[in-house]
PDB file of N, CA and C in Angstrom:
ATOM      1  N   MET A   1       0.847  -1.179   0.000  1.00  0.00           N
ATOM      2  CA  MET A   1       0.000   0.000   0.000  1.00  0.00           C
ATOM      3  C   MET A   1       0.890   1.239   0.000  1.00  0.00           C
ATOM      4  N   LYS A   2       0.410   2.263  -0.718  1.00  0.00           N
ATOM      5  CA  LYS A   2       1.089   3.556  -0.718  1.00  0.00           C
ATOM      6  C   LYS A   2       0.062   4.659  -0.491  1.00  0.00           C
ATOM      7  N   VAL A   3       0.516   5.741   0.148  1.00  0.00           N
ATOM      8  CA  VAL A   3      -0.320   6.929   0.318  1.00  0.00           C
ATOM      9  C   VAL A   3       0.345   8.094  -0.395  1.00  0.00           C
ATOM     10  N   HIS A   4      -0.486   9.031  -0.813  1.00  0.00           N
ATOM     11  CA  HIS A   4       0.014  10.237  -1.459  1.00  0.00           C
ATOM     12  C   HIS A   4      -0.908  11.391  -1.086  1.00  0.00           C
ATOM     13  N   VAL A   5      -0.317  12.534  -0.732  1.00  0.00           N
ATOM     14  CA  VAL A   5      -1.096  13.738  -0.444  1.00  0.00           C
ATOM     15  C   VAL A   5      -1.054  14.638  -1.677  1.00  0.00           C
ATOM     16  N   VAL A   6      -2.222  14.981  -2.191  1.00  0.00           N
ATOM     17  CA  VAL A   6      -2.321  15.913  -3.309  1.00  0.00           C
ATOM     18  C   VAL A   6      -2.224  17.316  -2.722  1.00  0.00           C
ATOM     19  N   LYS A   7      -1.065  17.934  -2.883  1.00  0.00           N
ATOM     20  CA  LYS A   7      -0.787  19.220  -2.233  1.00  0.00           C
ATOM     21  C   LYS A   7      -1.775  20.310  -2.629  1.00  0.00           C
ATOM     22  N   GLU A   8      -2.265  20.282  -3.856  1.00  0.00           N
ATOM     23  CA  GLU A   8      -3.212  21.297  -4.316  1.00  0.00           C
ATOM     24  C   GLU A   8      -4.559  21.208  -3.590  1.00  0.00           C
ATOM     25  N   LYS A   9      -4.879  20.040  -3.066  1.00  0.00           N
ATOM     26  CA  LYS A   9      -6.143  19.854  -2.343  1.00  0.00           C
ATOM     27  C   LYS A   9      -6.000  20.081  -0.841  1.00  0.00           C
ATOM     28  N   CYS A  10      -4.797  19.871  -0.313  1.00  0.00           N
ATOM     29  CA  CYS A  10      -4.577  19.958   1.133  1.00  0.00           C
ATOM     30  C   CYS A  10      -4.798  21.386   1.624  1.00  0.00           C
ATOM     31  N   GLN A  11      -5.630  21.524   2.657  1.00  0.00           N
ATOM     32  CA  GLN A  11      -5.933  22.833   3.237  1.00  0.00           C
ATOM     33  C   GLN A  11      -5.312  23.001   4.625  1.00  0.00           C
ATOM     34  N   GLY A  12      -4.485  22.035   5.036  1.00  0.00           N
ATOM     35  CA  GLY A  12      -3.767  22.170   6.293  1.00  0.00           C
ATOM     36  C   GLY A  12      -4.551  21.819   7.537  1.00  0.00           C
ATOM     37  N   HIS A  13      -5.576  20.999   7.421  1.00  0.00           N
ATOM     38  CA  HIS A  13      -6.307  20.556   8.608  1.00  0.00           C
ATOM     39  C   HIS A  13      -5.437  19.630   9.454  1.00  0.00           C
ATOM     40  N   ASN A  14      -4.537  18.921   8.802  1.00  0.00           N
ATOM     41  CA  ASN A  14      -3.537  18.046   9.443  1.00  0.00           C
ATOM     42  C   ASN A  14      -4.127  16.901  10.244  1.00  0.00           C
ATOM     43  N   ARG A  15      -5.307  16.465   9.879  1.00  0.00           N
ATOM     44  CA  ARG A  15      -5.884  15.293  10.540  1.00  0.00           C
ATOM     45  C   ARG A  15      -5.042  14.049  10.244  1.00  0.00           C
ATOM     46  N   CYS A  16      -4.496  13.975   9.035  1.00  0.00           N
ATOM     47  CA  CYS A  16      -3.668  12.820   8.675  1.00  0.00           C
ATOM     48  C   CYS A  16      -2.458  12.728   9.599  1.00  0.00           C
ATOM     49  N   TYR A  17      -1.818  13.849   9.833  1.00  0.00           N
ATOM     50  CA  TYR A  17      -0.644  13.875  10.714  1.00  0.00           C
ATOM     51  C   TYR A  17      -1.025  13.522  12.152  1.00  0.00           C
ATOM     52  N   THR A  18      -2.168  14.028  12.588  1.00  0.00           N
ATOM     53  CA  THR A  18      -2.635  13.742  13.947  1.00  0.00           C
ATOM     54  C   THR A  18      -2.947  12.258  14.119  1.00  0.00           C
ATOM     55  N   LEU A  19      -3.570  11.657  13.101  1.00  0.00           N
ATOM     56  CA  LEU A  19      -3.979  10.257  13.186  1.00  0.00           C
ATOM     57  C   LEU A  19      -2.863   9.273  12.866  1.00  0.00           C
ATOM     58  N   ALA A  20      -1.923   9.686  12.013  1.00  0.00           N
ATOM     59  CA  ALA A  20      -0.870   8.762  11.577  1.00  0.00           C
ATOM     60  C   ALA A  20       0.460   9.493  11.378  1.00  0.00           C
ATOM     61  N   PRO A  21       1.068   9.955  12.470  1.00  0.00           N
ATOM     62  CA  PRO A  21       2.331  10.690  12.336  1.00  0.00           C
ATOM     63  C   PRO A  21       3.479   9.830  11.811  1.00  0.00           C
ATOM     64  N   GLU A  22       3.289   8.513  11.820  1.00  0.00           N
ATOM     65  CA  GLU A  22       4.293   7.624  11.251  1.00  0.00           C
ATOM     66  C   GLU A  22       4.280   7.667   9.721  1.00  0.00           C
ATOM     67  N   LEU A  23       3.175   8.161   9.151  1.00  0.00           N
ATOM     68  CA  LEU A  23       3.002   8.158   7.693  1.00  0.00           C
ATOM     69  C   LEU A  23       3.002   9.547   7.070  1.00  0.00           C
ATOM     70  N   PHE A  24       2.677  10.575   7.873  1.00  0.00           N
ATOM     71  CA  PHE A  24       2.537  11.937   7.349  1.00  0.00           C
ATOM     72  C   PHE A  24       3.295  12.940   8.214  1.00  0.00           C
ATOM     73  N   ASP A  25       3.676  14.040   7.576  1.00  0.00           N
ATOM     74  CA  ASP A  25       4.254  15.177   8.292  1.00  0.00           C
ATOM     75  C   ASP A  25       3.703  16.427   7.631  1.00  0.00           C
ATOM     76  N   VAL A  26       4.013  17.598   8.183  1.00  0.00           N
ATOM     77  CA  VAL A  26       3.553  18.861   7.611  1.00  0.00           C
ATOM     78  C   VAL A  26       4.739  19.795   7.412  1.00  0.00           C
ATOM     79  N   ASP A  27       4.645  20.620   6.370  1.00  0.00           N
ATOM     80  CA  ASP A  27       5.716  21.587   6.115  1.00  0.00           C
ATOM     81  C   ASP A  27       5.468  22.868   6.906  1.00  0.00           C
ATOM     82  N   ASP A  28       6.308  23.867   6.700  1.00  0.00           N
ATOM     83  CA  ASP A  28       6.213  25.120   7.446  1.00  0.00           C
ATOM     84  C   ASP A  28       4.918  25.884   7.194  1.00  0.00           C
ATOM     85  N   LEU A  29       4.248  25.590   6.081  1.00  0.00           N
ATOM     86  CA  LEU A  29       2.988  26.258   5.756  1.00  0.00           C
ATOM     87  C   LEU A  29       1.772  25.453   6.207  1.00  0.00           C
ATOM     88  N   GLY A  30       2.016  24.277   6.806  1.00  0.00           N
ATOM     89  CA  GLY A  30       0.916  23.448   7.291  1.00  0.00           C
ATOM     90  C   GLY A  30       0.392  22.450   6.288  1.00  0.00           C
ATOM     91  N   THR A  31       1.033  22.366   5.122  1.00  0.00           N
ATOM     92  CA  THR A  31       0.609  21.414   4.100  1.00  0.00           C
ATOM     93  C   THR A  31       1.190  20.043   4.422  1.00  0.00           C
ATOM     94  N   ALA A  32       0.339  19.042   4.394  1.00  0.00           N
ATOM     95  CA  ALA A  32       0.776  17.683   4.711  1.00  0.00           C
ATOM     96  C   ALA A  32       1.526  17.061   3.537  1.00  0.00           C
ATOM     97  N   PHE A  33       2.376  16.106   3.870  1.00  0.00           N
ATOM     98  CA  PHE A  33       3.054  15.300   2.853  1.00  0.00           C
ATOM     99  C   PHE A  33       3.325  13.919   3.443  1.00  0.00           C
ATOM    100  N   GLU A  34       3.478  12.949   2.550  1.00  0.00           N
ATOM    101  CA  GLU A  34       3.705  11.581   2.980  1.00  0.00           C
ATOM    102  C   GLU A  34       5.185  11.357   3.301  1.00  0.00           C
ATOM    103  N   LEU A  35       5.437  10.467   4.228  1.00  0.00           N
ATOM    104  CA  LEU A  35       6.797  10.082   4.610  1.00  0.00           C
ATOM    105  C   LEU A  35       7.173   8.786   3.888  1.00  0.00           C
ATOM    106  N   ASN A  36       8.454   8.486   3.848  1.00  0.00           N
ATOM    107  CA  ASN A  36       8.958   7.212   3.309  1.00  0.00           C
ATOM    108  C   ASN A  36       8.471   6.920   1.895  1.00  0.00           C
ATOM    109  N   GLU A  37       8.418   7.976   1.078  1.00  0.00           N
ATOM    110  CA  GLU A  37       7.966   7.851  -0.315  1.00  0.00           C
ATOM    111  C   GLU A  37       6.573   7.243  -0.409  1.00  0.00           C
ATOM    112  N   GLY A  38       5.791   7.414   0.654  1.00  0.00           N
ATOM    113  CA  GLY A  38       4.411   6.950   0.665  1.00  0.00           C
ATOM    114  C   GLY A  38       4.226   5.484   0.992  1.00  0.00           C
ATOM    115  N   GLU A  39       5.317   4.751   1.177  1.00  0.00           N
ATOM    116  CA  GLU A  39       5.209   3.320   1.498  1.00  0.00           C
ATOM    117  C   GLU A  39       4.584   3.137   2.882  1.00  0.00           C
ATOM    118  N   VAL A  40       3.575   2.286   2.942  1.00  0.00           N
ATOM    119  CA  VAL A  40       2.872   2.024   4.193  1.00  0.00           C
ATOM    120  C   VAL A  40       3.190   0.603   4.658  1.00  0.00           C
ATOM    121  N   PRO A  41       3.851   0.469   5.807  1.00  0.00           N
ATOM    122  CA  PRO A  41       4.083  -0.874   6.346  1.00  0.00           C
ATOM    123  C   PRO A  41       2.756  -1.567   6.651  1.00  0.00           C
ATOM    124  N   LYS A  42       2.739  -2.871   6.524  1.00  0.00           N
ATOM    125  CA  LYS A  42       1.526  -3.664   6.740  1.00  0.00           C
ATOM    126  C   LYS A  42       0.821  -3.301   8.049  1.00  0.00           C
ATOM    127  N   GLU A  43       1.606  -3.104   9.111  1.00  0.00           N
ATOM    128  CA  GLU A  43       1.012  -2.840  10.428  1.00  0.00           C
ATOM    129  C   GLU A  43       0.404  -1.447  10.554  1.00  0.00           C
ATOM    130  N   LEU A  44       0.630  -0.568   9.557  1.00  0.00           N
ATOM    131  CA  LEU A  44       0.071   0.787   9.597  1.00  0.00           C
ATOM    132  C   LEU A  44      -1.027   1.009   8.556  1.00  0.00           C
ATOM    133  N   GLU A  45      -1.440  -0.050   7.872  1.00  0.00           N
ATOM    134  CA  GLU A  45      -2.451   0.106   6.832  1.00  0.00           C
ATOM    135  C   GLU A  45      -3.776   0.626   7.384  1.00  0.00           C
ATOM    136  N   ASP A  46      -4.166   0.199   8.572  1.00  0.00           N
ATOM    137  CA  ASP A  46      -5.411   0.701   9.167  1.00  0.00           C
ATOM    138  C   ASP A  46      -5.315   2.192   9.453  1.00  0.00           C
ATOM    139  N   LYS A  47      -4.154   2.652   9.902  1.00  0.00           N
ATOM    140  CA  LYS A  47      -3.960   4.090  10.155  1.00  0.00           C
ATOM    141  C   LYS A  47      -4.008   4.881   8.848  1.00  0.00           C
ATOM    142  N   ALA A  48      -3.479   4.326   7.782  1.00  0.00           N
ATOM    143  CA  ALA A  48      -3.527   4.999   6.477  1.00  0.00           C
ATOM    144  C   ALA A  48      -4.973   5.160   6.025  1.00  0.00           C
ATOM    145  N   ARG A  49      -5.764   4.116   6.190  1.00  0.00           N
ATOM    146  CA  ARG A  49      -7.182   4.183   5.808  1.00  0.00           C
ATOM    147  C   ARG A  49      -7.950   5.169   6.692  1.00  0.00           C
ATOM    148  N   LEU A  50      -7.605   5.212   7.971  1.00  0.00           N
ATOM    149  CA  LEU A  50      -8.242   6.158   8.891  1.00  0.00           C
ATOM    150  C   LEU A  50      -7.935   7.598   8.470  1.00  0.00           C
ATOM    151  N   ALA A  51      -6.693   7.869   8.114  1.00  0.00           N
ATOM    152  CA  ALA A  51      -6.319   9.207   7.647  1.00  0.00           C
ATOM    153  C   ALA A  51      -7.068   9.546   6.360  1.00  0.00           C
ATOM    154  N   PHE A  52      -7.139   8.604   5.441  1.00  0.00           N
ATOM    155  CA  PHE A  52      -7.868   8.784   4.179  1.00  0.00           C
ATOM    156  C   PHE A  52      -9.330   9.125   4.456  1.00  0.00           C
ATOM    157  N   ASP A  53      -9.959   8.357   5.334  1.00  0.00           N
ATOM    158  CA  ASP A  53     -11.375   8.556   5.644  1.00  0.00           C
ATOM    159  C   ASP A  53     -11.654   9.876   6.359  1.00  0.00           C
ATOM    160  N   ASN A  54     -10.663  10.432   7.038  1.00  0.00           N
ATOM    161  CA  ASN A  54     -10.866  11.644   7.834  1.00  0.00           C
ATOM    162  C   ASN A  54     -10.373  12.925   7.179  1.00  0.00           C
ATOM    163  N   CYS A  55      -9.867  12.847   5.964  1.00  0.00           N
ATOM    164  CA  CYS A  55      -9.405  14.059   5.282  1.00  0.00           C
ATOM    165  C   CYS A  55     -10.603  14.816   4.715  1.00  0.00           C
ATOM    166  N   PRO A  56     -10.899  16.007   5.240  1.00  0.00           N
ATOM    167  CA  PRO A  56     -12.073  16.738   4.774  1.00  0.00           C
ATOM    168  C   PRO A  56     -11.943  17.257   3.344  1.00  0.00           C
ATOM    169  N   GLU A  57     -10.741  17.333   2.832  1.00  0.00           N
ATOM    170  CA  GLU A  57     -10.518  17.845   1.475  1.00  0.00           C
ATOM    171  C   GLU A  57     -10.296  16.729   0.456  1.00  0.00           C
ATOM    172  N   PHE A  58     -10.351  15.470   0.893  1.00  0.00           N
ATOM    173  CA  PHE A  58     -10.102  14.317   0.025  1.00  0.00           C
ATOM    174  C   PHE A  58      -8.742  14.449  -0.676  1.00  0.00           C
ATOM    175  N   ALA A  59      -7.739  14.886   0.091  1.00  0.00           N
ATOM    176  CA  ALA A  59      -6.414  15.132  -0.465  1.00  0.00           C
ATOM    177  C   ALA A  59      -5.494  13.914  -0.395  1.00  0.00           C
ATOM    178  N   ILE A  60      -5.939  12.850   0.240  1.00  0.00           N
ATOM    179  CA  ILE A  60      -5.107  11.657   0.376  1.00  0.00           C
ATOM    180  C   ILE A  60      -5.558  10.600  -0.626  1.00  0.00           C
ATOM    181  N   GLU A  61      -4.585  10.069  -1.339  1.00  0.00           N
ATOM    182  CA  GLU A  61      -4.857   8.971  -2.268  1.00  0.00           C
ATOM    183  C   GLU A  61      -4.162   7.726  -1.738  1.00  0.00           C
ATOM    184  N   ILE A  62      -4.834   6.588  -1.873  1.00  0.00           N
ATOM    185  CA  ILE A  62      -4.260   5.300  -1.472  1.00  0.00           C
ATOM    186  C   ILE A  62      -4.234   4.399  -2.695  1.00  0.00           C
ATOM    187  N   THR A  63      -3.093   3.757  -2.881  1.00  0.00           N
ATOM    188  CA  THR A  63      -2.996   2.724  -3.926  1.00  0.00           C
ATOM    189  C   THR A  63      -2.628   1.420  -3.235  1.00  0.00           C
ATOM    190  N   GLU A  64      -3.342   0.390  -3.600  1.00  0.00           N
ATOM    191  CA  GLU A  64      -3.108  -0.937  -3.029  1.00  0.00           C
ATOM    192  C   GLU A  64      -2.163  -1.697  -3.949  1.00  0.00           C
ATOM    193  N   ASP A  65      -1.327  -2.513  -3.337  1.00  0.00           N
ATOM    194  CA  ASP A  65      -0.407  -3.349  -4.127  1.00  0.00           C
ATOM    195  C   ASP A  65      -1.120  -4.540  -4.704  1.00  0.00           C
TER     196      ASP A  65
END
């Protein structure tokens, strides 16, 4: 599984970072971005889905392997 934050959609709510800091971080302007080139370890897949489901701007994309 991989995650990707579409920067043009991100409004800086940072729910993804709050819910899954192992997968996301934020820049100086509050825009989220994925860590580790978006690779999601098996044990964090539920957190990735939780972040996806809670993004109010639908800025997170998930691709399954």
